[in-house]
Amino acid sequence: MISPNGVRTAFGTSPRVKSYTVAYIFTVGHYNIDQTRLYLPFGEAQSFFNREGQADQIEVFINDPEAVNSMISALRAASGDDAVLETWRDYAGGFLRALAIEDNVMLVIMIVLILLSTMNIISGLIMLVKNKGRDIGILRTMGLTEGTVLRVFFLCGAGIGLVGTILGVLLGVLFVLNIDAIFSLVNYISGGEVWDPSIRGIYHLPAELRGMDVAKAMGISLSLSFIITIFPARRAARMNPVEALRNE
């Protein structure tokens, strides 16, 4: 182990060198930390850095890391005015902001994908209205109201959107629950080039299934499906039965 802050001589500072036995190699889950940190017994660290009886840093662990902001005032009162207090949010501020931006971008991408999927519902209903024009005209002449026709085609499109949303949620949940196995398989097939921890900083892609995120995705999908379905359904409801029968 080498430290540049060694003994000062007339020719400059001599680095401090001391040999230690590696007792255990472990990982904290972050590549940069694993490559740059090692841990010593507290007494040995004080001796190596000439800090006998002193501690430059004190790390405090709390049960709920998300509530760290509520502990700042108490920690500052206990440490004094001369201490510099930094939380894990300060260390990972840029990373957290990047995750927030990525979350918003992924939400926009999801909405765009759902809109593209709903285009299939529109095209399918338009073709259905065109093929069933004669039947719609006959039913309208028999007394079927515009509201009834609207509800029939709306339920048809909404049913497609509902089935698609349920299947998408099920597949998404299965993907999240098995994401480690999926990435391991893809990484194995590609020869280990898919996930490089030296670039991404972490060894695997963490995934947490949150009910709020699932509910948000289902709500957006169903809402867009129902809204998009209204337009071809209104077209079918406003179809003139005379024109429909004449064209047939």
Protein backbone atom coordinates (compact mmCIF):
# COMPACT_ATOMS: atom_id res chain seq x y z
CA MET A 1 0.00 0.00 0.00
CA ILE A 2 1.45 3.40 -1.05
CA SER A 3 0.43 6.84 0.19
CA PRO A 4 1.92 10.01 -1.40
CA ASN A 5 1.66 11.85 1.94
CA GLY A 6 4.80 10.45 3.52
CA VAL A 7 7.78 11.85 5.36
CA ARG A 8 8.98 15.27 4.26
CA THR A 9 12.71 15.40 3.50
CA ALA A 10 15.10 17.92 2.00
CA PHE A 11 14.56 16.31 -1.37
CA GLY A 12 10.76 16.38 -1.15
CA THR A 13 8.06 14.17 0.27
CA SER A 14 8.89 10.49 0.45
CA PRO A 15 5.85 8.25 -0.15
CA ARG A 16 4.76 6.00 2.67
CA VAL A 17 4.91 2.30 1.75
CA LYS A 18 3.67 -0.58 3.84
CA SER A 19 2.68 -4.16 3.05
CA TYR A 20 -0.62 -5.65 4.19
CA THR A 21 -2.14 -9.08 3.81
CA VAL A 22 -5.34 -9.17 1.74
CA ALA A 23 -7.80 -10.97 3.97
CA TYR A 24 -10.94 -10.80 1.84
CA ILE A 25 -12.10 -9.49 -1.55
CA PHE A 26 -15.71 -8.39 -1.81
CA THR A 27 -17.90 -6.14 -3.91
CA VAL A 28 -20.29 -3.37 -2.95
CA GLY A 29 -22.09 -3.55 -6.31
CA HIS A 30 -20.46 -0.44 -7.81
CA TYR A 31 -17.50 -0.85 -10.16
CA ASN A 32 -15.78 2.47 -9.41
CA ILE A 33 -15.90 1.89 -5.64
CA ASP A 34 -14.59 -1.66 -6.00
CA GLN A 35 -11.62 -0.43 -8.04
CA THR A 36 -10.59 2.44 -5.78
CA ARG A 37 -11.31 1.49 -2.17
CA LEU A 38 -9.85 -0.84 0.43
CA TYR A 39 -10.66 -1.20 4.10
CA LEU A 40 -8.23 -1.43 7.02
CA PRO A 41 -8.71 -1.90 10.73
CA PHE A 42 -9.23 1.50 12.30
CA GLY A 43 -6.01 1.36 14.30
CA GLU A 44 -3.93 0.35 11.28
CA ALA A 45 -5.43 3.17 9.21
CA GLN A 46 -4.60 5.71 11.91
CA SER A 47 -1.03 4.45 12.08
CA PHE A 48 -0.52 4.44 8.31
CA PHE A 49 -1.86 7.98 7.80
CA ASN A 50 -0.36 9.38 11.03
CA ARG A 51 -3.75 10.07 12.55
CA GLU A 52 -3.27 8.50 15.96
CA GLY A 53 -6.33 9.16 18.10
CA GLN A 54 -8.10 11.00 15.25
CA ALA A 55 -10.77 10.30 12.67
CA ASP A 56 -11.15 12.47 9.57
CA GLN A 57 -14.56 11.10 8.63
CA ILE A 58 -17.45 9.50 10.48
CA GLU A 59 -20.04 7.54 8.52
CA VAL A 60 -23.56 7.25 9.93
CA PHE A 61 -26.03 4.58 8.76
CA ILE A 62 -29.79 5.02 9.13
CA ASN A 63 -32.57 2.48 8.74
CA ASP A 64 -34.39 4.42 6.01
CA PRO A 65 -31.96 5.99 3.51
CA GLU A 66 -34.83 7.85 1.80
CA ALA A 67 -35.41 9.82 5.03
CA VAL A 68 -31.85 11.15 5.19
CA ASN A 69 -32.95 14.77 4.75
CA SER A 70 -34.95 14.63 7.98
CA MET A 71 -31.78 13.61 9.88
CA ILE A 72 -29.57 16.45 8.66
CA SER A 73 -30.48 18.94 11.40
CA ALA A 74 -29.89 16.39 14.19
CA LEU A 75 -26.56 15.28 12.70
CA ARG A 76 -25.42 18.85 12.23
CA ALA A 77 -26.27 19.66 15.85
CA ALA A 78 -24.34 16.59 17.04
CA SER A 79 -21.26 17.15 14.85
CA GLY A 80 -20.83 20.87 15.43
CA ASP A 81 -20.44 23.86 13.15
CA ASP A 82 -16.91 22.97 11.99
CA ALA A 83 -17.92 19.61 10.52
CA VAL A 84 -18.75 19.19 6.85
CA LEU A 85 -21.92 17.14 6.49
CA GLU A 86 -22.54 15.27 3.23
CA THR A 87 -25.27 12.73 2.55
CA TRP A 88 -25.49 10.00 -0.06
CA ARG A 89 -27.73 12.30 -2.07
CA ASP A 90 -24.87 14.81 -2.31
CA TYR A 91 -22.47 12.13 -3.54
CA ALA A 92 -24.93 10.73 -6.08
CA GLY A 93 -26.66 13.99 -7.01
CA GLY A 94 -25.73 13.88 -10.69
CA PHE A 95 -26.61 10.20 -10.94
CA LEU A 96 -30.02 10.78 -9.36
CA ARG A 97 -30.77 13.69 -11.69
CA ALA A 98 -29.81 11.53 -14.66
CA LEU A 99 -32.18 8.81 -13.45
CA ALA A 100 -35.01 11.34 -13.07
CA ILE A 101 -34.45 12.61 -16.62
CA GLU A 102 -34.28 9.04 -17.92
CA ASP A 103 -37.53 8.20 -16.14
CA ASN A 104 -39.30 11.14 -17.81
CA VAL A 105 -37.85 10.24 -21.22
CA MET A 106 -38.96 6.63 -20.84
CA LEU A 107 -42.48 7.84 -19.98
CA VAL A 108 -42.59 9.88 -23.19
CA ILE A 109 -41.28 6.92 -25.21
CA MET A 110 -43.92 4.66 -23.65
CA ILE A 111 -46.69 7.10 -24.56
CA VAL A 112 -45.42 7.30 -28.15
CA LEU A 113 -45.32 3.50 -28.42
CA ILE A 114 -48.86 3.24 -27.06
CA LEU A 115 -50.03 5.83 -29.58
CA LEU A 116 -48.45 3.82 -32.39
CA SER A 117 -50.20 0.70 -31.09
CA THR A 118 -53.55 2.47 -30.95
CA MET A 119 -53.17 3.31 -34.65
CA ASN A 120 -53.75 -0.39 -35.29
CA ILE A 121 -57.02 -0.17 -33.37
CA ILE A 122 -58.12 2.81 -35.48
CA SER A 123 -57.21 1.15 -38.77
CA GLY A 124 -58.92 -2.08 -37.71
CA LEU A 125 -62.13 -0.31 -36.69
CA ILE A 126 -62.17 1.79 -39.85
CA MET A 127 -61.92 -1.35 -41.96
CA LEU A 128 -64.61 -2.97 -39.81
CA VAL A 129 -66.95 0.00 -40.32
CA LYS A 130 -66.31 -0.10 -44.06
CA ASN A 131 -66.97 -3.85 -44.32
CA LYS A 132 -70.05 -3.66 -42.11
CA GLY A 133 -71.53 -0.61 -43.80
CA ARG A 134 -74.47 -2.56 -45.27
CA ASP A 135 -75.25 -4.18 -41.91
CA ILE A 136 -75.09 -0.82 -40.17
CA GLY A 137 -77.46 0.68 -42.74
CA ILE A 138 -79.97 -2.18 -42.29
CA LEU A 139 -79.84 -1.89 -38.49
CA ARG A 140 -80.28 1.86 -38.67
CA THR A 141 -83.37 1.48 -40.88
CA MET A 142 -84.76 -0.98 -38.33
CA GLY A 143 -84.55 1.67 -35.62
CA LEU A 144 -81.06 1.29 -34.18
CA THR A 145 -79.97 4.68 -32.79
CA GLU A 146 -76.65 6.44 -33.33
CA GLY A 147 -75.83 6.03 -29.65
CA THR A 148 -76.26 2.26 -29.85
CA VAL A 149 -73.98 2.01 -32.90
CA LEU A 150 -71.46 4.22 -31.15
CA ARG A 151 -71.47 1.99 -28.07
CA VAL A 152 -71.10 -1.19 -30.14
CA PHE A 153 -67.97 -0.02 -31.96
CA PHE A 154 -66.60 1.70 -28.87
CA LEU A 155 -66.88 -1.53 -26.88
CA CYS A 156 -65.19 -3.37 -29.73
CA GLY A 157 -62.20 -1.03 -29.77
CA ALA A 158 -62.09 -0.76 -25.98
CA GLY A 159 -62.08 -4.54 -25.69
CA ILE A 160 -59.07 -4.74 -28.00
CA GLY A 161 -57.28 -2.11 -25.93
CA LEU A 162 -58.15 -3.87 -22.68
CA VAL A 163 -56.87 -7.25 -23.87
CA GLY A 164 -53.71 -5.69 -25.25
CA THR A 165 -53.07 -3.80 -22.01
CA ILE A 166 -53.52 -6.92 -19.86
CA LEU A 167 -51.19 -8.96 -22.07
CA GLY A 168 -48.63 -6.17 -22.10
CA VAL A 169 -48.70 -5.83 -18.30
CA LEU A 170 -48.30 -9.57 -17.82
CA LEU A 171 -45.36 -9.74 -20.23
CA GLY A 172 -43.78 -6.67 -18.64
CA VAL A 173 -44.08 -8.08 -15.12
CA LEU A 174 -42.56 -11.38 -16.23
CA PHE A 175 -39.71 -9.49 -17.91
CA VAL A 176 -38.98 -7.46 -14.77
CA LEU A 177 -39.07 -10.49 -12.49
CA ASN A 178 -36.64 -12.39 -14.73
CA ILE A 179 -34.51 -9.52 -15.99
CA ASP A 180 -31.28 -10.89 -14.51
CA ALA A 181 -31.72 -14.24 -16.25
CA ILE A 182 -32.63 -12.53 -19.53
CA PHE A 183 -29.61 -10.24 -19.45
CA SER A 184 -27.34 -13.13 -18.49
CA LEU A 185 -28.60 -15.08 -21.50
CA VAL A 186 -28.16 -12.13 -23.86
CA ASN A 187 -24.72 -11.42 -22.39
CA TYR A 188 -23.73 -15.06 -22.85
CA ILE A 189 -24.93 -15.14 -26.45
CA SER A 190 -23.11 -11.92 -27.33
CA GLY A 191 -19.88 -13.00 -25.67
CA GLY A 192 -20.09 -10.72 -22.63
CA GLU A 193 -20.17 -7.41 -24.48
CA VAL A 194 -23.71 -6.31 -23.61
CA TRP A 195 -23.08 -5.11 -20.07
CA ASP A 196 -19.61 -3.70 -19.34
CA PRO A 197 -19.41 -2.64 -15.65
CA SER A 198 -16.39 -0.41 -16.34
CA ILE A 199 -18.64 1.76 -18.55
CA ARG A 200 -21.99 1.51 -16.76
CA GLY A 201 -20.59 1.48 -13.24
CA ILE A 202 -22.80 -1.37 -12.00
CA TYR A 203 -22.58 -5.12 -12.53
CA HIS A 204 -26.22 -5.80 -13.38
CA LEU A 205 -29.38 -3.93 -14.20
CA PRO A 206 -31.44 -3.55 -11.00
CA ALA A 207 -35.19 -3.84 -11.37
CA GLU A 208 -37.89 -3.15 -8.82
CA LEU A 209 -41.53 -3.89 -9.55
CA ARG A 210 -43.64 -0.99 -8.27
CA GLY A 211 -47.40 -1.10 -8.24
CA MET A 212 -47.64 2.64 -8.93
CA ASP A 213 -45.60 2.33 -12.14
CA VAL A 214 -47.71 -0.61 -13.30
CA ALA A 215 -50.92 1.30 -12.55
CA LYS A 216 -49.58 4.36 -14.39
CA ALA A 217 -48.75 2.31 -17.48
CA MET A 218 -52.15 0.61 -17.43
CA GLY A 219 -53.93 3.94 -16.97
CA ILE A 220 -52.13 5.58 -19.88
CA SER A 221 -52.68 2.59 -22.15
CA LEU A 222 -56.39 2.24 -21.38
CA SER A 223 -57.02 5.98 -21.56
CA LEU A 224 -55.40 6.34 -24.97
CA SER A 225 -57.14 3.22 -26.25
CA PHE A 226 -60.55 4.49 -25.16
CA ILE A 227 -59.98 8.01 -26.52
CA ILE A 228 -58.71 6.81 -29.90
CA THR A 229 -61.62 4.39 -30.27
CA ILE A 230 -64.17 7.20 -30.14
CA PHE A 231 -63.30 8.57 -33.60
CA PRO A 232 -64.03 5.47 -35.74
CA ALA A 233 -67.02 4.69 -33.51
CA ARG A 234 -68.48 8.15 -34.20
CA ARG A 235 -67.88 7.64 -37.90
CA ALA A 236 -69.91 4.42 -37.79
CA ALA A 237 -72.67 6.06 -35.74
CA ARG A 238 -73.02 9.01 -38.14
CA MET A 239 -73.15 6.83 -41.23
CA ASN A 240 -76.17 7.63 -43.39
CA PRO A 241 -78.16 4.39 -43.80
CA VAL A 242 -79.40 5.44 -47.26
CA GLU A 243 -75.86 6.07 -48.51
CA ALA A 244 -74.63 2.84 -46.90
CA LEU A 245 -77.31 0.77 -48.65
CA ARG A 246 -76.89 2.60 -51.96
CA ASN A 247 -73.14 1.93 -52.04
CA GLU A 248 -73.77 -1.76 -51.37
